Amino acid sequence: MTQLNLDQLAARYAQKIVEKGKADIENPVTKALGVLQEQGVYACILYLLANKHDNILKPLYQLVGELPGFRGNEKMPDEKIDSKEMLKFYGDCVCSDLDTLLLVKELYEQTLIYARYGAKAAGK
């Protein structure tokens, strides 16, 4: 069984966020990070959906798909799902298991931190 390097995954997906981001990506990433740290994963997803930050939301959703419990799982809908389906997925599959929830929260936190610094370095 191969080990999964979560830090490398966080860095890779942070780069995707910065690459897809507009010139002002640093501010929404910082706000999403604040919501994540203060309110949790589900609130962060709600914030990103409500503010239409798809350039942050899609890479984070793809990142969950890299985790062993979700890779190749039929419960993991494809990327073209609507907001209701996405919220249902997070509520039923991510937030229902405490270990998974804490793993996703830490992984998202690290990814958003890397994206924030990446945006600063890129001048975005």
C-alpha atoms as a PDB file:
ATOM      1  CA  MET A   1       0.000   0.000   0.000  1.00  0.00           C
ATOM      2  CA  THR A   2       1.458   3.344  -0.997  1.00  0.00           C
ATOM      3  CA  GLN A   3       1.428   6.208   1.439  1.00  0.00           C
ATOM      4  CA  LEU A   4      -0.354   9.416   0.588  1.00  0.00           C
ATOM      5  CA  ASN A   5       1.659  12.595   1.119  1.00  0.00           C
ATOM      6  CA  LEU A   6      -1.025  15.034   2.262  1.00  0.00           C
ATOM      7  CA  ASP A   7       1.327  18.016   2.322  1.00  0.00           C
ATOM      8  CA  GLN A   8       2.233  17.433  -1.313  1.00  0.00           C
ATOM      9  CA  LEU A   9      -1.463  17.165  -2.197  1.00  0.00           C
ATOM     10  CA  ALA A  10      -2.173  20.427  -0.368  1.00  0.00           C
ATOM     11  CA  ALA A  11       0.641  22.164  -2.255  1.00  0.00           C
ATOM     12  CA  ARG A  12      -0.502  20.805  -5.639  1.00  0.00           C
ATOM     13  CA  TYR A  13      -4.104  21.883  -5.158  1.00  0.00           C
ATOM     14  CA  ALA A  14      -3.056  25.264  -3.763  1.00  0.00           C
ATOM     15  CA  GLN A  15      -1.176  25.827  -7.016  1.00  0.00           C
ATOM     16  CA  LYS A  16      -4.359  24.990  -8.951  1.00  0.00           C
ATOM     17  CA  ILE A  17      -6.287  27.556  -6.910  1.00  0.00           C
ATOM     18  CA  VAL A  18      -3.687  30.242  -7.610  1.00  0.00           C
ATOM     19  CA  GLU A  19      -3.469  29.355 -11.320  1.00  0.00           C
ATOM     20  CA  LYS A  20      -7.257  29.442 -11.765  1.00  0.00           C
ATOM     21  CA  GLY A  21      -7.608  32.527  -9.611  1.00  0.00           C
ATOM     22  CA  LYS A  22      -8.224  35.999 -10.811  1.00  0.00           C
ATOM     23  CA  ALA A  23      -6.039  38.938  -9.894  1.00  0.00           C
ATOM     24  CA  ASP A  24      -7.731  39.277  -6.503  1.00  0.00           C
ATOM     25  CA  ILE A  25      -7.609  35.636  -5.352  1.00  0.00           C
ATOM     26  CA  GLU A  26      -5.734  36.343  -2.106  1.00  0.00           C
ATOM     27  CA  ASN A  27      -8.686  38.056  -0.391  1.00  0.00           C
ATOM     28  CA  PRO A  28     -11.307  35.314  -1.027  1.00  0.00           C
ATOM     29  CA  VAL A  29      -8.791  32.620  -0.049  1.00  0.00           C
ATOM     30  CA  THR A  30      -8.065  34.431   3.222  1.00  0.00           C
ATOM     31  CA  LYS A  31     -11.783  34.822   3.943  1.00  0.00           C
ATOM     32  CA  ALA A  32     -12.465  31.156   3.146  1.00  0.00           C
ATOM     33  CA  LEU A  33      -9.614  30.167   5.470  1.00  0.00           C
ATOM     34  CA  GLY A  34     -11.111  32.295   8.250  1.00  0.00           C
ATOM     35  CA  VAL A  35     -14.541  30.700   7.814  1.00  0.00           C
ATOM     36  CA  LEU A  36     -12.961  27.232   7.778  1.00  0.00           C
ATOM     37  CA  GLN A  37     -10.984  27.852  10.973  1.00  0.00           C
ATOM     38  CA  GLU A  38     -13.834  29.500  12.861  1.00  0.00           C
ATOM     39  CA  GLN A  39     -16.902  27.634  11.608  1.00  0.00           C
ATOM     40  CA  GLY A  40     -15.711  24.417   9.972  1.00  0.00           C
ATOM     41  CA  VAL A  41     -15.740  22.584   6.653  1.00  0.00           C
ATOM     42  CA  TYR A  42     -19.464  22.793   5.912  1.00  0.00           C
ATOM     43  CA  ALA A  43     -19.569  26.544   6.588  1.00  0.00           C
ATOM     44  CA  CYS A  44     -16.545  27.048   4.345  1.00  0.00           C
ATOM     45  CA  ILE A  45     -18.278  25.223   1.495  1.00  0.00           C
ATOM     46  CA  LEU A  46     -21.419  27.323   2.072  1.00  0.00           C
ATOM     47  CA  TYR A  47     -19.318  30.506   1.988  1.00  0.00           C
ATOM     48  CA  LEU A  48     -17.627  29.506  -1.268  1.00  0.00           C
ATOM     49  CA  LEU A  49     -20.950  28.548  -2.875  1.00  0.00           C
ATOM     50  CA  ALA A  50     -22.724  31.706  -1.689  1.00  0.00           C
ATOM     51  CA  ASN A  51     -19.969  33.948  -3.012  1.00  0.00           C
ATOM     52  CA  LYS A  52     -19.512  31.972  -6.239  1.00  0.00           C
ATOM     53  CA  HIS A  53     -15.828  31.270  -5.699  1.00  0.00           C
ATOM     54  CA  ASP A  54     -15.741  28.249  -8.015  1.00  0.00           C
ATOM     55  CA  ASN A  55     -12.031  28.771  -8.663  1.00  0.00           C
ATOM     56  CA  ILE A  56     -11.457  27.850  -4.987  1.00  0.00           C
ATOM     57  CA  LEU A  57     -14.343  25.432  -4.499  1.00  0.00           C
ATOM     58  CA  LYS A  58     -13.614  23.066  -7.397  1.00  0.00           C
ATOM     59  CA  PRO A  59      -9.990  22.319  -6.469  1.00  0.00           C
ATOM     60  CA  LEU A  60     -11.026  21.739  -2.838  1.00  0.00           C
ATOM     61  CA  TYR A  61     -13.739  19.339  -3.985  1.00  0.00           C
ATOM     62  CA  GLN A  62     -11.257  17.536  -6.254  1.00  0.00           C
ATOM     63  CA  LEU A  63      -8.870  17.287  -3.310  1.00  0.00           C
ATOM     64  CA  VAL A  64     -11.404  15.265  -1.306  1.00  0.00           C
ATOM     65  CA  GLY A  65     -11.532  12.849  -4.226  1.00  0.00           C
ATOM     66  CA  GLU A  66      -7.822  12.126  -3.734  1.00  0.00           C
ATOM     67  CA  LEU A  67      -8.393  10.717  -0.246  1.00  0.00           C
ATOM     68  CA  PRO A  68      -8.482   6.909  -0.023  1.00  0.00           C
ATOM     69  CA  GLY A  69     -12.038   6.746   1.312  1.00  0.00           C
ATOM     70  CA  PHE A  70     -13.360   8.727  -1.657  1.00  0.00           C
ATOM     71  CA  ARG A  71     -11.144   7.674  -4.568  1.00  0.00           C
ATOM     72  CA  GLY A  72     -13.241   5.539  -6.888  1.00  0.00           C
ATOM     73  CA  ASN A  73     -16.197   5.709  -4.492  1.00  0.00           C
ATOM     74  CA  GLU A  74     -19.647   5.885  -6.073  1.00  0.00           C
ATOM     75  CA  LYS A  75     -20.699   8.307  -3.306  1.00  0.00           C
ATOM     76  CA  MET A  76     -18.279  10.865  -4.761  1.00  0.00           C
ATOM     77  CA  PRO A  77     -20.280  12.717  -7.444  1.00  0.00           C
ATOM     78  CA  ASP A  78     -18.469  14.156 -10.444  1.00  0.00           C
ATOM     79  CA  GLU A  79     -17.354  17.783 -10.463  1.00  0.00           C
ATOM     80  CA  LYS A  80     -20.355  19.027 -12.407  1.00  0.00           C
ATOM     81  CA  ILE A  81     -22.775  18.665  -9.513  1.00  0.00           C
ATOM     82  CA  ASP A  82     -25.007  21.509  -8.418  1.00  0.00           C
ATOM     83  CA  SER A  83     -24.780  23.222  -5.052  1.00  0.00           C
ATOM     84  CA  LYS A  84     -27.537  21.097  -3.451  1.00  0.00           C
ATOM     85  CA  GLU A  85     -25.774  17.865  -4.395  1.00  0.00           C
ATOM     86  CA  MET A  86     -22.456  19.222  -3.179  1.00  0.00           C
ATOM     87  CA  LEU A  87     -23.903  20.230   0.197  1.00  0.00           C
ATOM     88  CA  LYS A  88     -25.565  16.824   0.492  1.00  0.00           C
ATOM     89  CA  PHE A  89     -22.248  15.125  -0.265  1.00  0.00           C
ATOM     90  CA  TYR A  90     -20.390  17.131   2.387  1.00  0.00           C
ATOM     91  CA  GLY A  91     -23.174  16.639   4.925  1.00  0.00           C
ATOM     92  CA  ASP A  92     -23.580  12.905   4.333  1.00  0.00           C
ATOM     93  CA  CYS A  93     -20.054  11.778   3.493  1.00  0.00           C
ATOM     94  CA  VAL A  94     -17.568  14.235   4.999  1.00  0.00           C
ATOM     95  CA  CYS A  95     -19.262  15.651   8.098  1.00  0.00           C
ATOM     96  CA  SER A  96     -20.827  12.360   9.201  1.00  0.00           C
ATOM     97  CA  ASP A  97     -17.511  10.796  10.250  1.00  0.00           C
ATOM     98  CA  LEU A  98     -15.419  12.734  12.775  1.00  0.00           C
ATOM     99  CA  ASP A  99     -12.067  11.348  11.588  1.00  0.00           C
ATOM    100  CA  THR A 100     -12.857  12.232   7.978  1.00  0.00           C
ATOM    101  CA  LEU A 101     -14.130  15.661   8.968  1.00  0.00           C
ATOM    102  CA  LEU A 102     -10.977  16.498  10.923  1.00  0.00           C
ATOM    103  CA  LEU A 103      -8.742  15.190   8.130  1.00  0.00           C
ATOM    104  CA  VAL A 104     -10.550  17.262   5.507  1.00  0.00           C
ATOM    105  CA  LYS A 105     -10.473  20.349   7.733  1.00  0.00           C
ATOM    106  CA  GLU A 106      -6.711  20.075   8.255  1.00  0.00           C
ATOM    107  CA  LEU A 107      -6.106  19.370   4.589  1.00  0.00           C
ATOM    108  CA  TYR A 108      -8.248  22.315   3.483  1.00  0.00           C
ATOM    109  CA  GLU A 109      -6.558  24.566   6.015  1.00  0.00           C
ATOM    110  CA  GLN A 110      -3.098  23.692   4.727  1.00  0.00           C
ATOM    111  CA  THR A 111      -4.232  24.044   1.116  1.00  0.00           C
ATOM    112  CA  LEU A 112      -5.752  27.483   1.694  1.00  0.00           C
ATOM    113  CA  ILE A 113      -2.667  28.653   3.608  1.00  0.00           C
ATOM    114  CA  TYR A 114      -0.452  27.561   0.714  1.00  0.00           C
ATOM    115  CA  ALA A 115      -2.832  29.215  -1.766  1.00  0.00           C
ATOM    116  CA  ARG A 116      -2.748  32.470   0.187  1.00  0.00           C
ATOM    117  CA  TYR A 117       1.044  32.563   0.213  1.00  0.00           C
ATOM    118  CA  GLY A 118       1.135  31.434  -3.419  1.00  0.00           C
ATOM    119  CA  ALA A 119      -1.168  34.291  -4.384  1.00  0.00           C
ATOM    120  CA  LYS A 120       1.059  36.750  -2.527  1.00  0.00           C
ATOM    121  CA  ALA A 121       4.145  35.392  -4.265  1.00  0.00           C
ATOM    122  CA  ALA A 122       2.415  35.587  -7.664  1.00  0.00           C
ATOM    123  CA  GLY A 123       1.222  39.109  -6.971  1.00  0.00           C
ATOM    124  CA  LYS A 124      -2.438  38.075  -7.206  1.00  0.00           C
END
